[in-house]
Each structure stands twice: as C-alpha cells, then as structure tokens.
Amino acid sequence: QLQLVGSGGGLVQPGGSLRLSCTASGYAPDYYAIGWFRQAPGKQREGVGCIEARGTRRDYADFAEDRFIISRDNSKNTTYLDLSSLKSEDTGVYFCAAASRCSWYEERYQPWGQGTQVTVSS
C-alpha cells in the first residue's frame, strides 16, 4: 500500500524560499505521478502542480509557474516542491498526493500525505 509523508514546512519571510518534500513508501512508489495542492485559511484546496512518474512532464498552476519548481528523485522515493519568492498569499497547508497520471482533479489522487504548514509572514 502506497503511503506519502509530507515535510519541510515552516515560517518564512516574504521573498524567502522553502523546500517541501514528499516521501513515498509501499507499493511501486516511483510509478505514480505526484501532485501538490495547497489550502489557504478559509479557502478551498487548489492545485499547485504535478510531476509525472518519470519526471518527464510537469504542470504548474499559473501562480506557481515562475516561482515554484517540482522535482523528484525516484532513487529516494521523494518528490520536492521548491518554493521561492514567497508571498503572504502562499500561506497554507501544502499536500502531496499520488495518481496514475497528472491531473488537476483531486478525486483522481489517492493516497494523500498529511499536509505540511507553510506560513509566509514578516
């Protein structure tokens, strides 16, 4: 059974950077696409981006296009979300989730990591 554990969140000043990690364990963790989602306080969860299983294709939400980078190291069963030029509106809980292919539809993802808090504040 595939399991995901997210980590790396924390408090960062505006303009700062942060690296989030999503480590997979269980059945064939390197055969899954990994999507990143976030949920800001009082808002619905939204997609941030996704990387296919072999890392050959990545998709980003418009707000993430020039500031966030998704990568993966299948030898470590870990996917990364590098956040840079962070803004206060990037504050929220960031989740990773697995799917057979990248998708913006949350219902296609299972399982989900537990989420890691990112707070951007001075």
N, C-alpha and C. Protein backbone atom coordinates (compact mmCIF):
# COMPACT_ATOMS: atom_id res chain seq x y z
N GLN A 1 0.84 -1.18 0.00
CA GLN A 1 0.00 0.00 0.00
C GLN A 1 0.89 1.24 0.00
N LEU A 2 0.60 2.14 -0.93
CA LEU A 2 1.39 3.35 -1.05
C LEU A 2 1.04 4.33 0.07
N GLN A 3 2.07 4.92 0.66
CA GLN A 3 1.87 5.94 1.68
C GLN A 3 2.76 7.13 1.38
N LEU A 4 2.28 8.31 1.70
CA LEU A 4 3.02 9.54 1.45
C LEU A 4 3.18 10.31 2.76
N VAL A 5 4.36 10.87 2.94
CA VAL A 5 4.61 11.70 4.12
C VAL A 5 5.20 13.01 3.64
N GLY A 6 4.50 14.09 3.93
CA GLY A 6 4.98 15.41 3.55
C GLY A 6 5.75 16.04 4.69
N SER A 7 6.73 16.87 4.34
CA SER A 7 7.53 17.54 5.36
C SER A 7 8.17 18.79 4.77
N GLY A 8 8.77 19.60 5.64
CA GLY A 8 9.55 20.73 5.19
C GLY A 8 8.90 22.09 5.37
N GLY A 9 7.67 22.11 5.83
CA GLY A 9 7.01 23.39 6.02
C GLY A 9 7.62 24.19 7.16
N GLY A 10 7.19 25.43 7.27
CA GLY A 10 7.68 26.28 8.34
C GLY A 10 7.30 27.72 8.12
N LEU A 11 7.91 28.57 8.92
CA LEU A 11 7.69 30.02 8.85
C LEU A 11 8.81 30.65 8.03
N VAL A 12 8.44 31.46 7.06
CA VAL A 12 9.43 32.11 6.21
C VAL A 12 8.98 33.54 5.92
N GLN A 13 9.94 34.42 5.76
CA GLN A 13 9.61 35.82 5.47
C GLN A 13 9.22 36.00 4.01
N PRO A 14 8.44 37.02 3.71
CA PRO A 14 8.11 37.30 2.31
C PRO A 14 9.37 37.44 1.47
N GLY A 15 9.34 36.84 0.29
CA GLY A 15 10.51 36.84 -0.57
C GLY A 15 11.44 35.66 -0.33
N GLY A 16 11.19 34.92 0.72
CA GLY A 16 12.04 33.79 1.08
C GLY A 16 11.73 32.53 0.30
N SER A 17 12.46 31.48 0.65
CA SER A 17 12.32 30.20 -0.05
C SER A 17 12.14 29.07 0.96
N LEU A 18 11.60 27.99 0.44
CA LEU A 18 11.36 26.82 1.29
C LEU A 18 11.31 25.60 0.39
N ARG A 19 11.79 24.49 0.88
CA ARG A 19 11.69 23.23 0.14
C ARG A 19 10.79 22.25 0.90
N LEU A 20 9.75 21.81 0.24
CA LEU A 20 8.88 20.79 0.78
C LEU A 20 9.24 19.45 0.17
N SER A 21 9.08 18.40 0.97
CA SER A 21 9.38 17.06 0.49
C SER A 21 8.16 16.17 0.66
N CYS A 22 8.07 15.20 -0.20
CA CYS A 22 7.00 14.21 -0.13
C CYS A 22 7.66 12.85 -0.36
N THR A 23 7.74 12.07 0.70
CA THR A 23 8.42 10.79 0.63
C THR A 23 7.40 9.66 0.57
N ALA A 24 7.59 8.79 -0.39
CA ALA A 24 6.65 7.69 -0.62
C ALA A 24 7.23 6.38 -0.13
N SER A 25 6.35 5.55 0.33
CA SER A 25 6.75 4.19 0.72
C SER A 25 5.62 3.24 0.34
N GLY A 26 5.98 1.97 0.25
CA GLY A 26 4.96 0.99 -0.09
C GLY A 26 5.06 0.53 -1.53
N TYR A 27 3.97 0.19 -2.12
CA TYR A 27 3.94 -0.43 -3.44
C TYR A 27 4.33 0.52 -4.56
N ALA A 28 5.40 0.19 -5.28
CA ALA A 28 5.81 0.88 -6.51
C ALA A 28 5.71 2.40 -6.42
N PRO A 29 6.38 3.03 -5.47
CA PRO A 29 6.22 4.47 -5.30
C PRO A 29 6.71 5.29 -6.48
N ASP A 30 7.59 4.75 -7.30
CA ASP A 30 8.12 5.53 -8.42
C ASP A 30 7.29 5.37 -9.68
N TYR A 31 6.14 4.69 -9.61
CA TYR A 31 5.26 4.55 -10.76
C TYR A 31 4.08 5.50 -10.72
N TYR A 32 4.09 6.41 -9.77
CA TYR A 32 2.96 7.32 -9.61
C TYR A 32 3.37 8.75 -9.93
N ALA A 33 2.44 9.47 -10.52
CA ALA A 33 2.57 10.91 -10.60
C ALA A 33 2.31 11.48 -9.20
N ILE A 34 2.98 12.56 -8.88
CA ILE A 34 2.77 13.23 -7.60
C ILE A 34 2.26 14.64 -7.85
N GLY A 35 1.15 14.93 -7.27
CA GLY A 35 0.59 16.27 -7.35
C GLY A 35 0.77 17.02 -6.04
N TRP A 36 0.90 18.31 -6.14
CA TRP A 36 0.95 19.17 -4.96
C TRP A 36 -0.28 20.06 -4.96
N PHE A 37 -0.88 20.17 -3.81
CA PHE A 37 -2.05 21.01 -3.62
C PHE A 37 -1.83 21.87 -2.38
N ARG A 38 -2.61 22.91 -2.24
CA ARG A 38 -2.49 23.73 -1.04
C ARG A 38 -3.87 24.23 -0.66
N GLN A 39 -4.01 24.52 0.62
CA GLN A 39 -5.25 25.07 1.14
C GLN A 39 -4.93 26.24 2.06
N ALA A 40 -5.34 27.41 1.63
CA ALA A 40 -5.15 28.61 2.44
C ALA A 40 -6.28 28.70 3.47
N PRO A 41 -6.06 29.40 4.56
CA PRO A 41 -7.10 29.53 5.57
C PRO A 41 -8.40 30.09 4.99
N GLY A 42 -9.49 29.37 5.22
CA GLY A 42 -10.79 29.83 4.76
C GLY A 42 -11.06 29.66 3.28
N LYS A 43 -10.15 28.98 2.58
CA LYS A 43 -10.32 28.80 1.14
C LYS A 43 -10.33 27.33 0.78
N GLN A 44 -10.81 27.06 -0.42
CA GLN A 44 -10.79 25.69 -0.91
C GLN A 44 -9.38 25.27 -1.32
N ARG A 45 -9.16 24.00 -1.27
CA ARG A 45 -7.87 23.47 -1.70
C ARG A 45 -7.73 23.68 -3.20
N GLU A 46 -6.50 24.00 -3.62
CA GLU A 46 -6.23 24.24 -5.04
C GLU A 46 -4.97 23.52 -5.47
N GLY A 47 -4.91 23.22 -6.75
CA GLY A 47 -3.74 22.56 -7.28
C GLY A 47 -2.57 23.51 -7.43
N VAL A 48 -1.40 23.03 -7.13
CA VAL A 48 -0.17 23.80 -7.29
C VAL A 48 0.58 23.33 -8.53
N GLY A 49 0.70 22.02 -8.67
CA GLY A 49 1.40 21.46 -9.81
C GLY A 49 1.54 19.97 -9.66
N CYS A 50 2.13 19.36 -10.66
CA CYS A 50 2.24 17.91 -10.68
C CYS A 50 3.46 17.50 -11.49
N ILE A 51 4.01 16.34 -11.16
CA ILE A 51 5.11 15.79 -11.93
C ILE A 51 4.78 14.33 -12.23
N GLU A 52 5.00 13.93 -13.47
CA GLU A 52 4.73 12.56 -13.87
C GLU A 52 5.75 11.61 -13.23
N ALA A 53 5.45 10.31 -13.31
CA ALA A 53 6.25 9.30 -12.60
C ALA A 53 7.73 9.34 -12.97
N ARG A 54 8.02 9.53 -14.25
CA ARG A 54 9.42 9.55 -14.69
C ARG A 54 10.02 10.94 -14.65
N GLY A 55 9.22 11.89 -14.22
CA GLY A 55 9.73 13.26 -14.13
C GLY A 55 9.85 13.95 -15.46
N THR A 56 9.29 13.37 -16.52
CA THR A 56 9.45 13.93 -17.85
C THR A 56 8.48 15.06 -18.15
N ARG A 57 7.44 15.17 -17.35
CA ARG A 57 6.46 16.23 -17.59
C ARG A 57 6.02 16.82 -16.26
N ARG A 58 5.94 18.14 -16.25
CA ARG A 58 5.48 18.86 -15.08
C ARG A 58 4.45 19.90 -15.51
N ASP A 59 3.45 20.07 -14.69
CA ASP A 59 2.44 21.10 -14.92
C ASP A 59 2.38 21.98 -13.69
N TYR A 60 2.13 23.26 -13.92
CA TYR A 60 2.06 24.20 -12.81
C TYR A 60 0.81 25.06 -12.94
N ALA A 61 0.27 25.43 -11.81
CA ALA A 61 -0.76 26.46 -11.79
C ALA A 61 -0.12 27.78 -12.18
N ASP A 62 -0.93 28.69 -12.68
CA ASP A 62 -0.39 29.98 -13.13
C ASP A 62 0.38 30.69 -12.03
N PHE A 63 -0.13 30.63 -10.82
CA PHE A 63 0.53 31.37 -9.73
C PHE A 63 1.88 30.76 -9.36
N ALA A 64 2.07 29.49 -9.76
CA ALA A 64 3.30 28.79 -9.38
C ALA A 64 4.35 28.79 -10.49
N GLU A 65 3.93 29.15 -11.69
CA GLU A 65 4.75 28.96 -12.88
C GLU A 65 6.18 29.48 -12.77
N ASP A 66 6.38 30.65 -12.28
CA ASP A 66 7.72 31.25 -12.25
C ASP A 66 8.37 31.24 -10.88
N ARG A 67 7.68 30.66 -9.89
CA ARG A 67 8.23 30.74 -8.53
C ARG A 67 8.43 29.38 -7.88
N PHE A 68 7.69 28.39 -8.33
CA PHE A 68 7.76 27.07 -7.71
C PHE A 68 8.33 26.05 -8.71
N ILE A 69 9.08 25.10 -8.20
CA ILE A 69 9.63 24.04 -9.04
C ILE A 69 9.36 22.69 -8.39
N ILE A 70 8.83 21.78 -9.17
CA ILE A 70 8.60 20.41 -8.71
C ILE A 70 9.65 19.50 -9.33
N SER A 71 10.24 18.67 -8.50
CA SER A 71 11.22 17.71 -8.99
C SER A 71 11.06 16.42 -8.20
N ARG A 72 11.70 15.38 -8.67
CA ARG A 72 11.62 14.12 -7.93
C ARG A 72 12.92 13.36 -8.08
N ASP A 73 13.23 12.61 -7.03
CA ASP A 73 14.38 11.72 -7.03
C ASP A 73 13.84 10.34 -6.73
N ASN A 74 13.62 9.56 -7.77
CA ASN A 74 13.00 8.25 -7.58
C ASN A 74 13.91 7.29 -6.81
N SER A 75 15.19 7.54 -6.81
CA SER A 75 16.10 6.68 -6.04
C SER A 75 15.86 6.86 -4.54
N LYS A 76 15.27 8.01 -4.19
CA LYS A 76 14.96 8.29 -2.79
C LYS A 76 13.45 8.25 -2.53
N ASN A 77 12.69 7.91 -3.56
CA ASN A 77 11.22 7.89 -3.44
C ASN A 77 10.69 9.22 -2.91
N THR A 78 11.31 10.29 -3.33
CA THR A 78 10.95 11.60 -2.79
C THR A 78 10.69 12.61 -3.92
N THR A 79 9.63 13.36 -3.75
CA THR A 79 9.29 14.45 -4.65
C THR A 79 9.43 15.74 -3.88
N TYR A 80 9.91 16.77 -4.56
CA TYR A 80 10.17 18.04 -3.91
C TYR A 80 9.32 19.15 -4.53
N LEU A 81 8.97 20.09 -3.71
CA LEU A 81 8.33 21.32 -4.16
C LEU A 81 9.17 22.47 -3.62
N ASP A 82 9.92 23.09 -4.51
CA ASP A 82 10.75 24.23 -4.13
C ASP A 82 9.95 25.51 -4.31
N LEU A 83 9.78 26.22 -3.22
CA LEU A 83 9.02 27.47 -3.21
C LEU A 83 9.99 28.63 -3.12
N SER A 84 9.82 29.63 -3.96
CA SER A 84 10.68 30.80 -3.89
C SER A 84 9.85 32.06 -4.09
N SER A 85 10.46 33.20 -3.79
CA SER A 85 9.76 34.49 -3.89
C SER A 85 8.39 34.41 -3.23
N LEU A 86 8.39 33.85 -2.04
CA LEU A 86 7.12 33.58 -1.35
C LEU A 86 6.41 34.86 -0.95
N LYS A 87 5.09 34.78 -1.02
CA LYS A 87 4.23 35.91 -0.68
C LYS A 87 3.30 35.47 0.46
N SER A 88 2.72 36.44 1.11
CA SER A 88 1.82 36.10 2.22
C SER A 88 0.66 35.23 1.75
N GLU A 89 0.23 35.44 0.51
CA GLU A 89 -0.88 34.65 -0.01
C GLU A 89 -0.51 33.20 -0.32
N ASP A 90 0.76 32.87 -0.19
CA ASP A 90 1.18 31.47 -0.34
C ASP A 90 1.02 30.69 0.97
N THR A 91 0.64 31.38 2.02
CA THR A 91 0.42 30.72 3.30
C THR A 91 -0.68 29.68 3.19
N GLY A 92 -0.44 28.52 3.77
CA GLY A 92 -1.44 27.47 3.75
C GLY A 92 -0.84 26.12 4.07
N VAL A 93 -1.68 25.12 4.03
CA VAL A 93 -1.22 23.75 4.22
C VAL A 93 -1.00 23.14 2.84
N TYR A 94 0.18 22.61 2.66
CA TYR A 94 0.55 22.02 1.37
C TYR A 94 0.49 20.50 1.47
N PHE A 95 -0.18 19.91 0.49
CA PHE A 95 -0.38 18.47 0.46
C PHE A 95 0.26 17.88 -0.79
N CYS A 96 0.78 16.68 -0.65
CA CYS A 96 1.16 15.92 -1.82
C CYS A 96 0.20 14.73 -1.92
N ALA A 97 0.03 14.25 -3.14
CA ALA A 97 -0.88 13.14 -3.38
C ALA A 97 -0.45 12.40 -4.63
N ALA A 98 -0.83 11.14 -4.72
CA ALA A 98 -0.40 10.28 -5.82
C ALA A 98 -1.55 9.95 -6.75
N ALA A 99 -1.23 9.86 -8.02
CA ALA A 99 -2.20 9.47 -9.03
C ALA A 99 -1.48 8.72 -10.14
N SER A 100 -2.23 8.02 -10.97
CA SER A 100 -1.60 7.29 -12.06
C SER A 100 -1.04 8.25 -13.11
N ARG A 101 -1.71 9.39 -13.31
CA ARG A 101 -1.23 10.43 -14.22
C ARG A 101 -1.53 11.78 -13.60
N CYS A 102 -0.80 12.77 -14.02
CA CYS A 102 -1.05 14.12 -13.52
C CYS A 102 -2.48 14.56 -13.87
N SER A 103 -3.10 15.23 -12.95
CA SER A 103 -4.45 15.73 -13.15
C SER A 103 -4.69 16.89 -12.20
N TRP A 104 -5.60 17.77 -12.59
CA TRP A 104 -5.98 18.85 -11.70
C TRP A 104 -7.20 18.45 -10.84
N TYR A 105 -7.72 17.26 -11.05
CA TYR A 105 -8.90 16.79 -10.31
C TYR A 105 -8.46 16.05 -9.06
N GLU A 106 -8.81 16.56 -7.91
CA GLU A 106 -8.38 15.96 -6.65
C GLU A 106 -8.86 14.53 -6.48
N GLU A 107 -10.04 14.23 -7.01
CA GLU A 107 -10.60 12.90 -6.79
C GLU A 107 -9.80 11.81 -7.49
N ARG A 108 -8.90 12.18 -8.35
CA ARG A 108 -8.06 11.18 -9.03
C ARG A 108 -6.81 10.84 -8.22
N TYR A 109 -6.66 11.49 -7.09
CA TYR A 109 -5.47 11.29 -6.27
C TYR A 109 -5.80 10.45 -5.03
N GLN A 110 -4.99 9.47 -4.82
CA GLN A 110 -5.09 8.63 -3.62
C GLN A 110 -3.84 7.78 -3.53
N PRO A 111 -3.09 7.79 -2.44
CA PRO A 111 -3.39 8.46 -1.18
C PRO A 111 -2.90 9.91 -1.16
N TRP A 112 -3.13 10.54 -0.04
CA TRP A 112 -2.68 11.90 0.22
C TRP A 112 -1.71 11.88 1.40
N GLY A 113 -0.74 12.78 1.35
CA GLY A 113 0.09 12.99 2.51
C GLY A 113 -0.67 13.79 3.54
N GLN A 114 -0.10 13.94 4.71
CA GLN A 114 -0.83 14.56 5.82
C GLN A 114 -0.83 16.08 5.77
N GLY A 115 -0.07 16.67 4.86
CA GLY A 115 -0.04 18.12 4.77
C GLY A 115 1.04 18.73 5.66
N THR A 116 1.64 19.79 5.16
CA THR A 116 2.66 20.49 5.92
C THR A 116 2.38 22.00 5.83
N GLN A 117 2.48 22.68 6.96
CA GLN A 117 2.09 24.08 7.04
C GLN A 117 3.20 24.99 6.54
N VAL A 118 2.85 25.90 5.66
CA VAL A 118 3.75 26.95 5.21
C VAL A 118 3.15 28.29 5.62
N THR A 119 3.92 29.07 6.35
CA THR A 119 3.46 30.39 6.79
C THR A 119 4.44 31.43 6.31
N VAL A 120 3.94 32.36 5.52
CA VAL A 120 4.78 33.43 4.99
C VAL A 120 4.39 34.72 5.71
N SER A 121 5.29 35.19 6.53
CA SER A 121 4.98 36.36 7.35
C SER A 121 6.26 37.01 7.81
N SER A 122 6.20 38.33 7.95
CA SER A 122 7.35 39.05 8.48
C SER A 122 7.24 39.20 10.00
